[in-house]
């Protein structure tokens, strides 16, 4: 992920705060269970908009979109609700990863109540948190797996049956 991409994400999040557009969750409701919709609604408005953009990108990638991929597109970032951070908190770890990547892992350990550590914990661990929240909500195991691994290199999962869907999810997330 490039700094330009992250800058665009930050500007879209800022725009969502300043000029909130109506949020149509009808599309999300088509793909999510009632329990998953509860999780979706816990996301910040800008995160819901991002998730809907990811879903739209996934839907345009191929003729067929498995329901698990659609749900994962909408809920891959739901782990961010465990330890929420603001726009600056989302930006800080990205900048540190560019400038001093060796510090990310170290700074993502510790007590998430600490305001300086929380952004790094959320940045590094939200995929695992997403998987845990989705599992607790009774989501399909494929949705859980895709969300829990959406930030990992596909190289780690050669031969995994969900690898093609993971690649699609990551491509859509990178565009959105």
N, C-alpha and C. Protein backbone atom coordinates (compact mmCIF):
# COMPACT_ATOMS: atom_id res chain seq x y z
N UNK A 1 0.83 -1.17 0.00
CA UNK A 1 0.00 0.00 0.00
C UNK A 1 0.88 1.24 0.00
N UNK A 2 0.59 2.14 -0.88
CA UNK A 2 1.42 3.32 -1.02
C UNK A 2 0.92 4.43 -0.11
N UNK A 3 1.81 5.39 0.10
CA UNK A 3 1.45 6.56 0.90
C UNK A 3 0.35 7.36 0.21
N UNK A 4 0.38 7.40 -1.12
CA UNK A 4 -0.65 8.12 -1.88
C UNK A 4 -2.02 7.48 -1.65
N UNK A 5 -2.07 6.14 -1.66
CA UNK A 5 -3.31 5.43 -1.41
C UNK A 5 -3.84 5.78 -0.02
N UNK A 6 -2.96 5.73 0.97
CA UNK A 6 -3.36 6.03 2.35
C UNK A 6 -3.81 7.48 2.49
N UNK A 7 -3.13 8.38 1.79
CA UNK A 7 -3.54 9.78 1.81
C UNK A 7 -4.96 9.91 1.26
N UNK A 8 -5.22 9.23 0.18
CA UNK A 8 -6.58 9.25 -0.40
C UNK A 8 -7.60 8.71 0.57
N UNK A 9 -7.26 7.62 1.26
CA UNK A 9 -8.16 7.05 2.27
C UNK A 9 -8.43 8.07 3.36
N UNK A 10 -7.38 8.72 3.81
CA UNK A 10 -7.54 9.72 4.87
C UNK A 10 -8.40 10.89 4.43
N UNK A 11 -8.22 11.32 3.19
CA UNK A 11 -9.03 12.42 2.68
C UNK A 11 -10.50 12.01 2.55
N UNK A 12 -10.75 10.77 2.13
CA UNK A 12 -12.13 10.29 2.05
C UNK A 12 -12.76 10.22 3.44
N UNK A 13 -11.98 9.78 4.43
CA UNK A 13 -12.50 9.72 5.80
C UNK A 13 -12.79 11.13 6.33
N UNK A 14 -11.91 12.07 6.03
CA UNK A 14 -12.12 13.45 6.45
C UNK A 14 -13.35 14.03 5.76
N UNK A 15 -13.50 13.76 4.48
CA UNK A 15 -14.67 14.24 3.75
C UNK A 15 -15.96 13.67 4.33
N UNK A 16 -15.92 12.41 4.76
CA UNK A 16 -17.10 11.78 5.36
C UNK A 16 -17.49 12.47 6.66
N UNK A 17 -16.50 13.02 7.38
CA UNK A 17 -16.78 13.75 8.61
C UNK A 17 -17.35 15.14 8.32
N UNK A 18 -16.76 15.80 7.33
CA UNK A 18 -17.13 17.18 7.04
C UNK A 18 -18.43 17.26 6.25
N UNK A 19 -18.54 16.43 5.22
CA UNK A 19 -19.72 16.43 4.35
C UNK A 19 -20.33 15.04 4.31
N UNK A 20 -21.02 14.67 5.37
CA UNK A 20 -21.55 13.30 5.40
C UNK A 20 -22.62 13.08 4.32
N UNK A 21 -22.36 12.10 3.48
CA UNK A 21 -23.33 11.72 2.46
C UNK A 21 -24.30 10.71 3.05
N UNK A 22 -25.49 10.64 2.50
CA UNK A 22 -26.42 9.62 2.99
C UNK A 22 -25.78 8.24 2.85
N UNK A 23 -25.99 7.41 3.82
CA UNK A 23 -25.41 6.07 3.82
C UNK A 23 -26.52 5.07 3.55
N UNK A 24 -26.47 4.44 2.40
CA UNK A 24 -27.47 3.46 2.01
C UNK A 24 -26.93 2.08 2.35
N UNK A 25 -27.51 1.46 3.35
CA UNK A 25 -27.03 0.14 3.78
C UNK A 25 -27.82 -1.00 3.14
N UNK A 26 -28.67 -0.67 2.18
CA UNK A 26 -29.48 -1.70 1.52
C UNK A 26 -28.61 -2.78 0.90
N UNK A 27 -27.52 -2.37 0.26
CA UNK A 27 -26.62 -3.34 -0.37
C UNK A 27 -26.00 -4.26 0.69
N UNK A 28 -25.58 -3.69 1.81
CA UNK A 28 -25.00 -4.50 2.89
C UNK A 28 -26.02 -5.51 3.42
N UNK A 29 -27.25 -5.07 3.56
CA UNK A 29 -28.30 -5.94 4.11
C UNK A 29 -28.55 -7.15 3.21
N UNK A 30 -28.25 -7.03 1.92
CA UNK A 30 -28.42 -8.17 1.00
C UNK A 30 -27.45 -9.30 1.30
N UNK A 31 -26.29 -8.97 1.87
CA UNK A 31 -25.23 -9.97 2.04
C UNK A 31 -24.95 -10.36 3.48
N UNK A 32 -25.48 -9.61 4.43
CA UNK A 32 -25.13 -9.86 5.84
C UNK A 32 -26.31 -10.43 6.61
N UNK A 33 -25.99 -11.28 7.57
CA UNK A 33 -27.00 -11.79 8.49
C UNK A 33 -27.36 -10.66 9.47
N UNK A 34 -28.46 -10.81 10.19
CA UNK A 34 -28.80 -9.78 11.18
C UNK A 34 -27.68 -9.54 12.20
N UNK A 35 -27.01 -10.59 12.64
CA UNK A 35 -25.90 -10.42 13.59
C UNK A 35 -24.73 -9.68 12.96
N UNK A 36 -24.47 -9.98 11.69
CA UNK A 36 -23.39 -9.28 10.99
C UNK A 36 -23.74 -7.81 10.74
N UNK A 37 -25.02 -7.53 10.50
CA UNK A 37 -25.44 -6.12 10.32
C UNK A 37 -25.20 -5.33 11.61
N UNK A 38 -25.38 -5.96 12.74
CA UNK A 38 -25.09 -5.28 14.01
C UNK A 38 -23.62 -4.89 14.05
N UNK A 39 -22.74 -5.80 13.63
CA UNK A 39 -21.31 -5.49 13.59
C UNK A 39 -21.03 -4.39 12.57
N UNK A 40 -21.65 -4.47 11.41
CA UNK A 40 -21.44 -3.46 10.37
C UNK A 40 -21.81 -2.07 10.89
N UNK A 41 -22.91 -1.99 11.61
CA UNK A 41 -23.37 -0.69 12.12
C UNK A 41 -22.45 -0.15 13.22
N UNK A 42 -21.62 -0.98 13.81
CA UNK A 42 -20.66 -0.51 14.81
C UNK A 42 -19.48 0.22 14.17
N UNK A 43 -19.26 -0.01 12.88
CA UNK A 43 -18.19 0.69 12.18
C UNK A 43 -18.51 2.18 12.10
N UNK A 44 -17.47 3.00 12.09
CA UNK A 44 -17.67 4.43 11.87
C UNK A 44 -18.24 4.64 10.48
N UNK A 45 -18.90 5.76 10.30
CA UNK A 45 -19.52 6.08 9.02
C UNK A 45 -18.51 5.97 7.86
N UNK A 46 -17.32 6.53 8.04
CA UNK A 46 -16.30 6.47 6.98
C UNK A 46 -15.88 5.03 6.72
N UNK A 47 -15.85 4.20 7.75
CA UNK A 47 -15.49 2.79 7.58
C UNK A 47 -16.60 2.02 6.87
N UNK A 48 -17.86 2.38 7.17
CA UNK A 48 -18.97 1.75 6.46
C UNK A 48 -18.91 2.12 4.97
N UNK A 49 -18.62 3.38 4.69
CA UNK A 49 -18.51 3.80 3.29
C UNK A 49 -17.37 3.06 2.59
N UNK A 50 -16.23 2.93 3.29
CA UNK A 50 -15.10 2.18 2.74
C UNK A 50 -15.52 0.73 2.46
N UNK A 51 -16.18 0.11 3.41
CA UNK A 51 -16.61 -1.29 3.25
C UNK A 51 -17.56 -1.45 2.08
N UNK A 52 -18.46 -0.51 1.90
CA UNK A 52 -19.37 -0.56 0.75
C UNK A 52 -18.63 -0.38 -0.57
N UNK A 53 -17.60 0.47 -0.56
CA UNK A 53 -16.77 0.62 -1.78
C UNK A 53 -16.03 -0.69 -2.07
N UNK A 54 -15.51 -1.34 -1.03
CA UNK A 54 -14.82 -2.63 -1.21
C UNK A 54 -15.79 -3.65 -1.79
N UNK A 55 -16.99 -3.71 -1.25
CA UNK A 55 -17.99 -4.64 -1.78
C UNK A 55 -18.28 -4.36 -3.25
N UNK A 56 -18.51 -3.10 -3.59
CA UNK A 56 -18.80 -2.77 -5.00
C UNK A 56 -17.64 -3.17 -5.91
N UNK A 57 -16.42 -2.97 -5.43
CA UNK A 57 -15.25 -3.37 -6.22
C UNK A 57 -15.20 -4.88 -6.40
N UNK A 58 -15.49 -5.62 -5.35
CA UNK A 58 -15.51 -7.09 -5.41
C UNK A 58 -16.57 -7.55 -6.41
N UNK A 59 -17.73 -6.92 -6.36
CA UNK A 59 -18.83 -7.33 -7.24
C UNK A 59 -18.52 -7.09 -8.71
N UNK A 60 -17.66 -6.12 -9.01
CA UNK A 60 -17.33 -5.84 -10.41
C UNK A 60 -16.13 -6.63 -10.92
N UNK A 61 -15.44 -7.35 -10.04
CA UNK A 61 -14.23 -8.08 -10.44
C UNK A 61 -14.53 -9.32 -11.29
N UNK A 62 -15.66 -9.94 -11.07
CA UNK A 62 -15.96 -11.20 -11.75
C UNK A 62 -17.47 -11.34 -11.90
N UNK A 63 -17.86 -12.30 -12.72
CA UNK A 63 -19.29 -12.53 -12.94
C UNK A 63 -19.98 -13.04 -11.68
N UNK A 64 -19.24 -13.78 -10.89
CA UNK A 64 -19.83 -14.39 -9.69
C UNK A 64 -19.04 -13.98 -8.45
N UNK A 65 -19.78 -13.64 -7.41
CA UNK A 65 -19.16 -13.30 -6.14
C UNK A 65 -19.76 -14.19 -5.06
N UNK A 66 -18.95 -15.08 -4.49
CA UNK A 66 -19.45 -15.93 -3.42
C UNK A 66 -19.95 -15.08 -2.23
N UNK A 67 -21.03 -15.50 -1.60
CA UNK A 67 -21.56 -14.73 -0.47
C UNK A 67 -20.52 -14.48 0.63
N UNK A 68 -19.63 -15.42 0.86
CA UNK A 68 -18.60 -15.23 1.90
C UNK A 68 -17.67 -14.08 1.55
N UNK A 69 -17.33 -13.94 0.29
CA UNK A 69 -16.47 -12.85 -0.15
C UNK A 69 -17.19 -11.51 0.01
N UNK A 70 -18.46 -11.47 -0.35
CA UNK A 70 -19.23 -10.24 -0.20
C UNK A 70 -19.31 -9.82 1.27
N UNK A 71 -19.59 -10.77 2.15
CA UNK A 71 -19.67 -10.46 3.59
C UNK A 71 -18.31 -10.03 4.13
N UNK A 72 -17.25 -10.70 3.70
CA UNK A 72 -15.90 -10.32 4.15
C UNK A 72 -15.53 -8.93 3.67
N UNK A 73 -15.96 -8.57 2.46
CA UNK A 73 -15.69 -7.22 1.94
C UNK A 73 -16.32 -6.17 2.86
N UNK A 74 -17.49 -6.47 3.36
CA UNK A 74 -18.20 -5.52 4.22
C UNK A 74 -17.66 -5.50 5.65
N UNK A 75 -17.09 -6.60 6.11
CA UNK A 75 -16.75 -6.72 7.54
C UNK A 75 -15.27 -6.93 7.82
N UNK A 76 -14.41 -6.82 6.82
CA UNK A 76 -12.99 -7.09 7.04
C UNK A 76 -12.36 -6.17 8.07
N UNK A 77 -12.87 -4.96 8.23
CA UNK A 77 -12.30 -4.01 9.18
C UNK A 77 -13.08 -3.88 10.49
N UNK A 78 -14.03 -4.76 10.72
CA UNK A 78 -14.87 -4.64 11.91
C UNK A 78 -14.05 -4.75 13.21
N UNK A 79 -12.89 -5.35 13.14
CA UNK A 79 -12.02 -5.45 14.31
C UNK A 79 -11.55 -4.09 14.81
N UNK A 80 -11.62 -3.08 13.97
CA UNK A 80 -11.24 -1.72 14.38
C UNK A 80 -12.19 -1.17 15.43
N UNK A 81 -13.36 -1.78 15.56
CA UNK A 81 -14.31 -1.31 16.57
C UNK A 81 -13.91 -1.73 17.98
N UNK A 82 -13.01 -2.69 18.09
CA UNK A 82 -12.58 -3.14 19.42
C UNK A 82 -11.81 -2.04 20.14
N UNK A 83 -10.88 -1.41 19.45
CA UNK A 83 -10.11 -0.30 20.01
C UNK A 83 -10.12 0.84 18.99
N UNK A 84 -11.22 1.59 18.93
CA UNK A 84 -11.33 2.61 17.89
C UNK A 84 -10.31 3.73 18.05
N UNK A 85 -9.91 4.28 16.92
CA UNK A 85 -9.00 5.43 16.88
C UNK A 85 -9.55 6.42 15.87
N UNK A 86 -9.16 7.67 16.03
CA UNK A 86 -9.59 8.72 15.12
C UNK A 86 -8.71 8.76 13.88
N UNK A 87 -8.92 9.77 13.10
CA UNK A 87 -8.21 9.91 11.83
C UNK A 87 -6.70 10.00 12.03
N UNK A 88 -6.27 10.77 13.02
CA UNK A 88 -4.83 10.88 13.30
C UNK A 88 -4.30 9.53 13.77
N UNK A 89 -5.06 8.84 14.59
CA UNK A 89 -4.65 7.52 15.06
C UNK A 89 -4.56 6.49 13.95
N UNK A 90 -5.34 6.67 12.90
CA UNK A 90 -5.26 5.76 11.75
C UNK A 90 -4.06 6.11 10.88
N UNK A 91 -3.72 7.38 10.84
CA UNK A 91 -2.64 7.86 9.98
C UNK A 91 -1.26 7.57 10.58
N UNK A 92 -1.14 7.73 11.88
CA UNK A 92 0.15 7.59 12.55
C UNK A 92 0.85 6.26 12.27
N UNK A 93 0.20 5.11 12.45
CA UNK A 93 0.90 3.85 12.17
C UNK A 93 1.32 3.70 10.71
N UNK A 94 0.54 4.24 9.80
CA UNK A 94 0.88 4.17 8.38
C UNK A 94 2.16 4.94 8.12
N UNK A 95 2.25 6.13 8.70
CA UNK A 95 3.46 6.94 8.53
C UNK A 95 4.67 6.26 9.17
N UNK A 96 4.48 5.70 10.36
CA UNK A 96 5.59 5.02 11.03
C UNK A 96 6.03 3.81 10.22
N UNK A 97 5.07 3.10 9.63
CA UNK A 97 5.43 1.93 8.81
C UNK A 97 6.29 2.34 7.62
N UNK A 98 6.04 3.52 7.08
CA UNK A 98 6.84 4.02 5.96
C UNK A 98 8.21 4.47 6.42
N UNK A 99 8.24 5.20 7.54
CA UNK A 99 9.48 5.81 8.02
C UNK A 99 10.34 4.84 8.83
N UNK A 100 9.72 4.09 9.72
CA UNK A 100 10.46 3.20 10.62
C UNK A 100 9.68 1.90 10.82
N UNK A 101 9.60 1.06 9.77
CA UNK A 101 8.76 -0.14 9.85
C UNK A 101 9.12 -1.12 10.97
N UNK A 102 10.36 -1.10 11.37
CA UNK A 102 10.78 -2.02 12.44
C UNK A 102 10.11 -1.72 13.78
N UNK A 103 9.56 -0.54 13.94
CA UNK A 103 8.94 -0.16 15.21
C UNK A 103 7.48 -0.56 15.32
N UNK A 104 6.84 -0.84 14.23
CA UNK A 104 5.41 -1.15 14.24
C UNK A 104 5.10 -2.32 15.17
N UNK A 105 5.80 -3.44 15.02
CA UNK A 105 5.53 -4.62 15.83
C UNK A 105 5.74 -4.32 17.31
N UNK A 106 6.83 -3.67 17.63
CA UNK A 106 7.12 -3.36 19.03
C UNK A 106 6.06 -2.44 19.62
N UNK A 107 5.64 -1.44 18.87
CA UNK A 107 4.68 -0.47 19.38
C UNK A 107 3.25 -1.00 19.36
N UNK A 108 3.04 -2.17 18.75
CA UNK A 108 1.69 -2.73 18.72
C UNK A 108 1.46 -3.71 19.87
N UNK A 109 2.38 -3.74 20.80
CA UNK A 109 2.25 -4.61 21.98
C UNK A 109 1.94 -3.73 23.20
N UNK A 110 1.25 -4.28 24.15
CA UNK A 110 1.00 -3.54 25.37
C UNK A 110 -0.47 -3.27 25.59
N UNK A 111 -0.73 -2.30 26.43
CA UNK A 111 -2.08 -1.97 26.87
C UNK A 111 -2.77 -1.04 25.88
N UNK A 112 -3.86 -1.48 25.26
CA UNK A 112 -4.55 -0.62 24.29
C UNK A 112 -5.19 0.61 24.92
N UNK A 113 -5.27 0.66 26.25
CA UNK A 113 -5.80 1.85 26.90
C UNK A 113 -4.82 3.02 26.79
N UNK A 114 -3.55 2.71 26.54
CA UNK A 114 -2.55 3.76 26.41
C UNK A 114 -2.78 4.48 25.07
N UNK A 115 -3.01 5.79 25.08
CA UNK A 115 -3.38 6.49 23.85
C UNK A 115 -2.31 6.48 22.76
N UNK A 116 -1.05 6.34 23.12
CA UNK A 116 0.00 6.32 22.09
C UNK A 116 0.19 4.94 21.47
N UNK A 117 -0.20 3.91 22.19
CA UNK A 117 -0.05 2.53 21.71
C UNK A 117 -1.29 2.06 20.95
N UNK A 118 -2.45 2.52 21.37
CA UNK A 118 -3.71 2.06 20.78
C UNK A 118 -3.73 2.10 19.25
N UNK A 119 -3.29 3.18 18.59
CA UNK A 119 -3.35 3.17 17.12
C UNK A 119 -2.54 2.04 16.50
N UNK A 120 -1.42 1.71 17.10
CA UNK A 120 -0.56 0.65 16.55
C UNK A 120 -1.19 -0.73 16.80
N UNK A 121 -1.81 -0.89 17.96
CA UNK A 121 -2.50 -2.15 18.26
C UNK A 121 -3.64 -2.36 17.28
N UNK A 122 -4.44 -1.32 17.08
CA UNK A 122 -5.56 -1.42 16.15
C UNK A 122 -5.07 -1.70 14.74
N UNK A 123 -4.07 -0.99 14.31
CA UNK A 123 -3.52 -1.16 12.96
C UNK A 123 -3.03 -2.59 12.73
N UNK A 124 -2.28 -3.11 13.67
CA UNK A 124 -1.66 -4.43 13.48
C UNK A 124 -2.61 -5.60 13.76
N UNK A 125 -3.51 -5.43 14.70
CA UNK A 125 -4.29 -6.58 15.17
C UNK A 125 -5.75 -6.58 14.75
N UNK A 126 -6.21 -5.53 14.04
CA UNK A 126 -7.63 -5.51 13.70
C UNK A 126 -8.07 -6.69 12.82
N UNK A 127 -7.23 -7.25 11.95
CA UNK A 127 -7.72 -8.42 11.20
C UNK A 127 -8.06 -9.60 12.13
N UNK A 128 -7.21 -9.86 13.10
CA UNK A 128 -7.50 -10.95 14.04
C UNK A 128 -8.74 -10.64 14.86
N UNK A 129 -8.88 -9.38 15.28
CA UNK A 129 -10.07 -8.98 16.02
C UNK A 129 -11.32 -9.14 15.16
N UNK A 130 -11.21 -8.82 13.88
CA UNK A 130 -12.34 -8.99 12.96
C UNK A 130 -12.77 -10.46 12.94
N UNK A 131 -11.79 -11.35 12.81
CA UNK A 131 -12.10 -12.77 12.81
C UNK A 131 -12.78 -13.21 14.09
N UNK A 132 -12.30 -12.73 15.22
CA UNK A 132 -12.90 -13.10 16.51
C UNK A 132 -14.34 -12.60 16.63
N UNK A 133 -14.57 -11.35 16.23
CA UNK A 133 -15.92 -10.79 16.31
C UNK A 133 -16.88 -11.52 15.37
N UNK A 134 -16.40 -11.85 14.19
CA UNK A 134 -17.24 -12.56 13.23
C UNK A 134 -17.54 -13.98 13.68
N UNK A 135 -16.55 -14.62 14.25
CA UNK A 135 -16.78 -15.98 14.76
C UNK A 135 -17.82 -15.94 15.88
N UNK A 136 -17.69 -14.98 16.78
CA UNK A 136 -18.64 -14.84 17.89
C UNK A 136 -20.06 -14.53 17.37
N UNK A 137 -20.15 -13.87 16.21
CA UNK A 137 -21.45 -13.54 15.62
C UNK A 137 -22.04 -14.71 14.83
N UNK A 138 -21.31 -15.81 14.76
CA UNK A 138 -21.80 -16.98 14.04
C UNK A 138 -21.64 -16.90 12.54
N UNK A 139 -20.70 -16.09 12.07
CA UNK A 139 -20.48 -15.95 10.63
C UNK A 139 -19.94 -17.24 10.03
N UNK A 140 -20.13 -17.37 8.75
CA UNK A 140 -19.60 -18.49 7.99
C UNK A 140 -18.08 -18.55 8.20
N UNK A 141 -17.52 -19.74 8.39
CA UNK A 141 -16.07 -19.85 8.60
C UNK A 141 -15.22 -19.21 7.49
N UNK A 142 -15.72 -19.21 6.25
CA UNK A 142 -14.97 -18.58 5.17
C UNK A 142 -14.92 -17.06 5.34
N UNK A 143 -15.99 -16.47 5.83
CA UNK A 143 -16.00 -15.03 6.11
C UNK A 143 -15.00 -14.72 7.21
N UNK A 144 -15.03 -15.53 8.25
CA UNK A 144 -14.10 -15.36 9.38
C UNK A 144 -12.66 -15.43 8.88
N UNK A 145 -12.34 -16.44 8.10
CA UNK A 145 -10.97 -16.61 7.62
C UNK A 145 -10.53 -15.45 6.74
N UNK A 146 -11.37 -15.05 5.81
CA UNK A 146 -11.01 -13.96 4.91
C UNK A 146 -10.77 -12.66 5.67
N UNK A 147 -11.62 -12.35 6.62
CA UNK A 147 -11.45 -11.12 7.40
C UNK A 147 -10.20 -11.21 8.27
N UNK A 148 -9.98 -12.35 8.87
CA UNK A 148 -8.83 -12.51 9.78
C UNK A 148 -7.49 -12.45 9.06
N UNK A 149 -7.48 -12.72 7.76
CA UNK A 149 -6.22 -12.78 7.01
C UNK A 149 -6.13 -11.72 5.91
N UNK A 150 -7.03 -10.75 5.90
CA UNK A 150 -7.09 -9.82 4.78
C UNK A 150 -5.87 -8.91 4.64
N UNK A 151 -5.07 -8.79 5.69
CA UNK A 151 -3.89 -7.91 5.63
C UNK A 151 -2.59 -8.70 5.43
N UNK A 152 -2.69 -10.00 5.31
CA UNK A 152 -1.49 -10.83 5.16
C UNK A 152 -1.11 -11.00 3.69
N UNK A 153 0.14 -11.26 3.47
CA UNK A 153 0.60 -11.51 2.11
C UNK A 153 -0.01 -12.80 1.59
N UNK A 154 -0.53 -12.79 0.38
CA UNK A 154 -1.06 -14.02 -0.21
C UNK A 154 0.00 -15.11 -0.33
N UNK A 155 1.26 -14.72 -0.34
CA UNK A 155 2.35 -15.70 -0.43
C UNK A 155 2.32 -16.66 0.75
N UNK A 156 1.76 -16.24 1.87
CA UNK A 156 1.68 -17.09 3.07
C UNK A 156 0.68 -18.23 2.89
N UNK A 157 -0.20 -18.11 1.89
CA UNK A 157 -1.33 -19.02 1.80
C UNK A 157 -1.40 -19.78 0.48
N UNK A 158 -0.25 -20.00 -0.15
CA UNK A 158 -0.23 -20.76 -1.40
C UNK A 158 -0.96 -22.09 -1.25
N UNK A 159 -1.86 -22.38 -2.13
CA UNK A 159 -2.59 -23.64 -2.09
C UNK A 159 -3.83 -23.62 -1.21
N UNK A 160 -4.04 -22.59 -0.42
CA UNK A 160 -5.23 -22.53 0.43
C UNK A 160 -6.46 -22.37 -0.46
N UNK A 161 -7.54 -23.08 -0.17
CA UNK A 161 -8.71 -23.01 -1.05
C UNK A 161 -9.34 -21.61 -1.15
N UNK A 162 -9.13 -20.77 -0.16
CA UNK A 162 -9.71 -19.43 -0.20
C UNK A 162 -8.75 -18.37 -0.75
N UNK A 163 -7.56 -18.80 -1.18
CA UNK A 163 -6.58 -17.84 -1.67
C UNK A 163 -7.11 -16.97 -2.81
N UNK A 164 -7.82 -17.52 -3.81
CA UNK A 164 -8.34 -16.64 -4.87
C UNK A 164 -9.30 -15.56 -4.34
N UNK A 165 -10.08 -15.92 -3.34
CA UNK A 165 -11.01 -14.94 -2.76
C UNK A 165 -10.24 -13.91 -1.93
N UNK A 166 -9.20 -14.34 -1.24
CA UNK A 166 -8.37 -13.41 -0.47
C UNK A 166 -7.72 -12.39 -1.41
N UNK A 167 -7.24 -12.85 -2.54
CA UNK A 167 -6.61 -11.96 -3.51
C UNK A 167 -7.64 -10.95 -4.04
N UNK A 168 -8.85 -11.42 -4.31
CA UNK A 168 -9.90 -10.50 -4.76
C UNK A 168 -10.23 -9.47 -3.68
N UNK A 169 -10.34 -9.91 -2.44
CA UNK A 169 -10.64 -9.00 -1.33
C UNK A 169 -9.55 -7.95 -1.19
N UNK A 170 -8.30 -8.38 -1.24
CA UNK A 170 -7.19 -7.44 -1.09
C UNK A 170 -7.13 -6.43 -2.23
N UNK A 171 -7.39 -6.90 -3.44
CA UNK A 171 -7.37 -5.99 -4.59
C UNK A 171 -8.47 -4.93 -4.45
N UNK A 172 -9.64 -5.36 -4.03
CA UNK A 172 -10.76 -4.42 -3.85
C UNK A 172 -10.47 -3.46 -2.69
N UNK A 173 -9.89 -3.96 -1.62
CA UNK A 173 -9.55 -3.12 -0.47
C UNK A 173 -8.50 -2.10 -0.86
N UNK A 174 -7.53 -2.52 -1.64
CA UNK A 174 -6.45 -1.60 -2.08
C UNK A 174 -7.00 -0.48 -2.97
N UNK A 175 -8.04 -0.76 -3.74
CA UNK A 175 -8.64 0.26 -4.61
C UNK A 175 -9.55 1.21 -3.86
N UNK A 176 -10.02 0.79 -2.71
CA UNK A 176 -11.05 1.54 -2.00
C UNK A 176 -10.51 2.31 -0.84
